[in-house]
């Protein structure tokens, strides 16, 4: 980035990547759609409604690419939007040992619940009997996955401060909402704030870790793994 020619080359490369991502996303969306209805003469019906403000298969005007770490993504944090990765952990309820961890560049947590559970089972040799998770991990697919793994789940179906609020959701989400509401203040869901949240507090406050130092998701994942290992070593030392 020291010369105008280098900056221009980086900008053009970033634009090409954004265009390729937009085309790939549009192609995936089109493949998942059912075939359009046709007229009696066999010609397809023209779509109704307003024309999209952004042509399909092209980047949106606010699409961005970070030059420092292109594999990271813009995510909403406590202090606003930041360029970040999403670090996730599964924690043992008795000793606050991290039994599995994951780092992703997707801001949503839904993809992580079953991945963390399967990794925890592989690391410990057994599937957990029950799991508590916040609303970010709630989906019909995740709740069905818990049933398939014979894991009793306590997953918030709304905001973390009001985990039993709302009436929307599929059959499994509604059943989970009823389970948490039935438990009231003694619900197993409330254990999450005493098990998982302190671990993030220890990493950020006690160990002073506030940001990743390495770039690229592979290196950042290795750094996150080292942090989780350091946390476990400190916990194991305290318990021995």
Protein backbone atom coordinates (compact mmCIF):
# COMPACT_ATOMS: atom_id res chain seq x y z
CA UNK A 1 0.00 0.00 0.00
CA UNK A 2 3.05 2.31 -0.20
CA UNK A 3 2.44 3.44 -3.79
CA UNK A 4 -0.59 4.51 -5.77
CA UNK A 5 -0.11 1.59 -8.17
CA UNK A 6 -0.12 -0.91 -5.30
CA UNK A 7 -3.21 0.67 -3.73
CA UNK A 8 -5.03 0.61 -7.05
CA UNK A 9 -4.15 -3.06 -7.55
CA UNK A 10 -5.43 -3.94 -4.07
CA UNK A 11 -8.65 -2.00 -4.64
CA UNK A 12 -9.26 -3.74 -7.97
CA UNK A 13 -8.57 -7.14 -6.41
CA UNK A 14 -10.98 -6.40 -3.55
CA UNK A 15 -13.66 -5.30 -6.01
CA UNK A 16 -13.20 -8.49 -8.03
CA UNK A 17 -13.58 -10.57 -4.85
CA UNK A 18 -16.78 -8.75 -3.88
CA UNK A 19 -18.20 -9.29 -7.37
CA UNK A 20 -17.30 -12.99 -7.28
CA UNK A 21 -18.95 -13.40 -3.86
CA UNK A 22 -22.11 -11.63 -5.05
CA UNK A 23 -22.33 -13.84 -8.14
CA UNK A 24 -21.78 -17.01 -6.10
CA UNK A 25 -24.42 -15.98 -3.55
CA UNK A 26 -26.91 -15.20 -6.33
CA UNK A 27 -26.23 -18.54 -8.03
CA UNK A 28 -26.75 -20.42 -4.76
CA UNK A 29 -30.01 -18.55 -4.15
CA UNK A 30 -31.26 -19.32 -7.63
CA UNK A 31 -30.48 -23.04 -7.26
CA UNK A 32 -32.54 -23.26 -4.07
CA UNK A 33 -35.57 -21.56 -5.66
CA UNK A 34 -38.32 -23.65 -7.28
CA UNK A 35 -38.63 -23.30 -11.08
CA UNK A 36 -40.72 -20.26 -12.10
CA UNK A 37 -44.31 -20.86 -13.20
CA UNK A 38 -44.94 -20.89 -16.92
CA UNK A 39 -47.74 -19.68 -19.16
CA UNK A 40 -49.83 -22.08 -21.28
CA UNK A 41 -47.50 -21.46 -24.19
CA UNK A 42 -44.50 -22.51 -22.10
CA UNK A 43 -42.97 -19.08 -21.55
CA UNK A 44 -42.13 -18.16 -17.94
CA UNK A 45 -44.18 -15.60 -16.03
CA UNK A 46 -42.38 -12.32 -15.48
CA UNK A 47 -41.72 -11.59 -11.79
CA UNK A 48 -44.04 -9.03 -10.21
CA UNK A 49 -43.30 -6.28 -7.76
CA UNK A 50 -40.65 -3.62 -7.63
CA UNK A 51 -37.40 -4.05 -9.40
CA UNK A 52 -34.50 -4.64 -6.99
CA UNK A 53 -32.50 -1.51 -6.25
CA UNK A 54 -29.34 -3.56 -6.65
CA UNK A 55 -29.02 -5.79 -9.76
CA UNK A 56 -28.87 -9.50 -8.83
CA UNK A 57 -25.37 -10.92 -8.77
CA UNK A 58 -23.68 -7.57 -8.13
CA UNK A 59 -22.23 -6.26 -4.85
CA UNK A 60 -24.39 -3.93 -2.78
CA UNK A 61 -23.29 -0.29 -2.61
CA UNK A 62 -22.33 -0.70 1.05
CA UNK A 63 -20.33 -3.93 0.50
CA UNK A 64 -16.87 -3.65 2.02
CA UNK A 65 -13.54 -5.48 1.97
CA UNK A 66 -10.95 -5.03 4.68
CA UNK A 67 -7.40 -4.63 3.36
CA UNK A 68 -5.71 -5.52 6.66
CA UNK A 69 -7.49 -8.86 7.12
CA UNK A 70 -9.85 -9.69 4.24
CA UNK A 71 -11.00 -12.90 5.94
CA UNK A 72 -12.44 -11.02 8.93
CA UNK A 73 -15.91 -9.48 8.85
CA UNK A 74 -17.70 -6.43 10.24
CA UNK A 75 -19.61 -7.41 13.40
CA UNK A 76 -21.60 -5.53 15.99
CA UNK A 77 -19.88 -5.34 19.37
CA UNK A 78 -20.53 -3.52 22.61
CA UNK A 79 -18.77 -0.41 21.31
CA UNK A 80 -20.33 -0.47 17.84
CA UNK A 81 -19.29 -2.11 14.61
CA UNK A 82 -15.79 -3.61 14.49
CA UNK A 83 -13.74 -5.76 12.13
CA UNK A 84 -13.73 -9.07 13.94
CA UNK A 85 -13.98 -12.83 14.21
CA UNK A 86 -16.53 -14.72 16.30
CA UNK A 87 -14.97 -16.84 19.05
CA UNK A 88 -17.14 -19.57 20.60
CA UNK A 89 -16.55 -22.08 23.40
CA UNK A 90 -18.27 -24.97 25.15
CA UNK A 91 -17.54 -25.04 28.87
CA UNK A 92 -17.71 -27.80 31.49
CA UNK A 93 -20.25 -26.92 34.18
CA UNK A 94 -18.22 -28.15 37.15
CA UNK A 95 -14.75 -26.67 36.65
CA UNK A 96 -15.23 -24.09 33.85
CA UNK A 97 -12.87 -26.03 31.60
CA UNK A 98 -13.23 -25.27 27.87
CA UNK A 99 -14.06 -28.63 26.29
CA UNK A 100 -14.32 -27.32 22.71
CA UNK A 101 -13.75 -24.06 20.91
CA UNK A 102 -14.38 -22.53 17.51
CA UNK A 103 -13.51 -19.36 15.63
CA UNK A 104 -15.50 -18.22 12.61
CA UNK A 105 -15.92 -15.11 10.49
CA UNK A 106 -19.71 -15.42 10.62
CA UNK A 107 -21.40 -13.11 13.12
CA UNK A 108 -24.33 -15.50 13.65
CA UNK A 109 -23.90 -18.28 16.24
CA UNK A 110 -26.45 -20.79 14.91
CA UNK A 111 -23.92 -22.83 12.95
CA UNK A 112 -21.82 -23.42 16.05
CA UNK A 113 -24.00 -25.28 18.54
CA UNK A 114 -23.86 -28.78 17.09
CA UNK A 115 -20.26 -28.31 15.93
CA UNK A 116 -19.19 -27.43 19.49
CA UNK A 117 -21.17 -30.34 20.93
CA UNK A 118 -19.65 -32.87 18.54
CA UNK A 119 -16.17 -31.48 19.20
CA UNK A 120 -16.75 -31.68 22.95
CA UNK A 121 -17.82 -35.32 22.59
CA UNK A 122 -14.71 -36.08 20.54
CA UNK A 123 -12.44 -34.35 23.07
CA UNK A 124 -13.97 -35.85 26.22
CA UNK A 125 -15.12 -39.24 24.94
CA UNK A 126 -18.80 -38.67 25.72
CA UNK A 127 -21.68 -36.48 24.61
CA UNK A 128 -22.90 -34.01 27.27
CA UNK A 129 -26.13 -34.91 29.05
CA UNK A 130 -27.49 -31.38 28.76
CA UNK A 131 -26.54 -28.03 27.29
CA UNK A 132 -27.46 -24.43 28.01
CA UNK A 133 -27.08 -21.79 25.30
CA UNK A 134 -28.27 -18.28 24.54
CA UNK A 135 -30.72 -17.21 21.86
CA UNK A 136 -28.07 -16.88 19.19
CA UNK A 137 -27.85 -20.68 19.00
CA UNK A 138 -31.60 -21.26 18.79
CA UNK A 139 -33.06 -22.77 15.62
CA UNK A 140 -35.31 -25.67 14.69
CA UNK A 141 -32.35 -27.50 13.14
CA UNK A 142 -30.22 -27.11 16.28
CA UNK A 143 -33.01 -28.25 18.59
CA UNK A 144 -33.62 -31.26 16.35
CA UNK A 145 -29.89 -31.98 16.47
CA UNK A 146 -29.99 -31.99 20.27
CA UNK A 147 -32.80 -34.54 20.19
CA UNK A 148 -30.88 -36.73 17.77
CA UNK A 149 -27.88 -36.65 20.13
CA UNK A 150 -30.04 -37.36 23.22
CA UNK A 151 -28.93 -34.08 24.78
CA UNK A 152 -31.43 -32.19 26.92
CA UNK A 153 -31.29 -28.58 25.82
CA UNK A 154 -32.01 -25.30 27.55
CA UNK A 155 -31.69 -22.81 24.71
CA UNK A 156 -33.11 -19.30 24.97
CA UNK A 157 -35.76 -18.55 22.36
CA UNK A 158 -35.72 -14.76 22.71
CA UNK A 159 -33.49 -12.08 24.12
CA UNK A 160 -31.08 -13.25 26.80
CA UNK A 161 -32.74 -10.97 29.37
CA UNK A 162 -36.16 -12.45 28.52
CA UNK A 163 -35.47 -16.01 27.32
CA UNK A 164 -39.11 -17.09 27.43
CA UNK A 165 -40.69 -14.11 25.68
CA UNK A 166 -42.49 -14.14 22.35
CA UNK A 167 -44.78 -16.61 20.62
CA UNK A 168 -43.09 -17.10 17.26
CA UNK A 169 -41.10 -20.13 16.14
CA UNK A 170 -41.53 -23.67 14.96
CA UNK A 171 -42.75 -26.64 16.97
CA UNK A 172 -39.41 -27.32 18.66
CA UNK A 173 -38.80 -23.65 19.44
CA UNK A 174 -42.23 -23.36 21.05
CA UNK A 175 -41.58 -26.50 23.10
CA UNK A 176 -38.25 -25.08 24.24
CA UNK A 177 -39.92 -21.80 25.18
CA UNK A 178 -42.43 -23.73 27.30
CA UNK A 179 -39.63 -25.72 28.98
CA UNK A 180 -37.73 -22.60 30.00
CA UNK A 181 -40.88 -20.82 31.12
CA UNK A 182 -41.90 -23.82 33.23
CA UNK A 183 -38.57 -23.74 35.05
CA UNK A 184 -38.97 -20.09 35.99
CA UNK A 185 -36.15 -18.74 38.16
CA UNK A 186 -34.91 -22.30 38.74
CA UNK A 187 -34.55 -23.04 35.03
CA UNK A 188 -31.32 -24.77 34.05
CA UNK A 189 -30.92 -22.12 31.37
CA UNK A 190 -29.88 -19.61 34.00
CA UNK A 191 -26.75 -21.64 34.76
CA UNK A 192 -25.28 -20.33 31.51
CA UNK A 193 -24.46 -16.96 33.05
CA UNK A 194 -22.50 -18.69 35.84
CA UNK A 195 -20.69 -21.18 33.60
CA UNK A 196 -19.83 -19.66 30.24
CA UNK A 197 -19.87 -15.89 30.77
CA UNK A 198 -17.17 -15.93 33.51
CA UNK A 199 -14.84 -17.74 31.11
CA UNK A 200 -15.01 -14.87 28.63
CA UNK A 201 -14.52 -12.49 31.56
CA UNK A 202 -11.39 -14.34 32.67
CA UNK A 203 -9.95 -14.27 29.16
CA UNK A 204 -10.69 -10.59 28.58
CA UNK A 205 -10.16 -9.07 32.02
CA UNK A 206 -7.88 -11.36 34.04
CA UNK A 207 -5.63 -12.22 31.09
CA UNK A 208 -5.96 -8.86 29.37
CA UNK A 209 -6.92 -10.28 25.99
CA UNK A 210 -8.95 -7.74 24.03
CA UNK A 211 -8.12 -8.40 20.40
CA UNK A 212 -6.54 -10.96 18.10
CA UNK A 213 -3.00 -10.17 17.04
CA UNK A 214 -2.73 -12.45 14.00
CA UNK A 215 -4.39 -12.05 10.61
CA UNK A 216 -6.24 -14.64 8.55
CA UNK A 217 -8.80 -17.07 9.91
CA UNK A 218 -6.32 -19.97 10.14
CA UNK A 219 -3.80 -18.03 12.21
CA UNK A 220 -6.55 -16.36 14.23
CA UNK A 221 -8.06 -19.78 14.98
CA UNK A 222 -4.68 -21.00 16.23
CA UNK A 223 -4.38 -17.93 18.44
CA UNK A 224 -7.86 -18.53 19.85
CA UNK A 225 -6.94 -22.17 20.52
CA UNK A 226 -3.83 -21.06 22.42
CA UNK A 227 -5.91 -18.69 24.54
CA UNK A 228 -8.38 -21.45 25.37
CA UNK A 229 -5.49 -23.75 26.26
CA UNK A 230 -3.97 -21.10 28.54
CA UNK A 231 -7.32 -20.71 30.27
CA UNK A 232 -7.60 -24.46 30.83
CA UNK A 233 -4.05 -24.72 32.19
CA UNK A 234 -4.80 -21.94 34.69
CA UNK A 235 -8.03 -23.67 35.76
CA UNK A 236 -6.39 -27.10 36.07
CA UNK A 237 -3.58 -25.62 38.14
CA UNK A 238 -6.09 -24.00 40.46
CA UNK A 239 -7.97 -27.28 40.93
CA UNK A 240 -4.88 -29.42 41.62
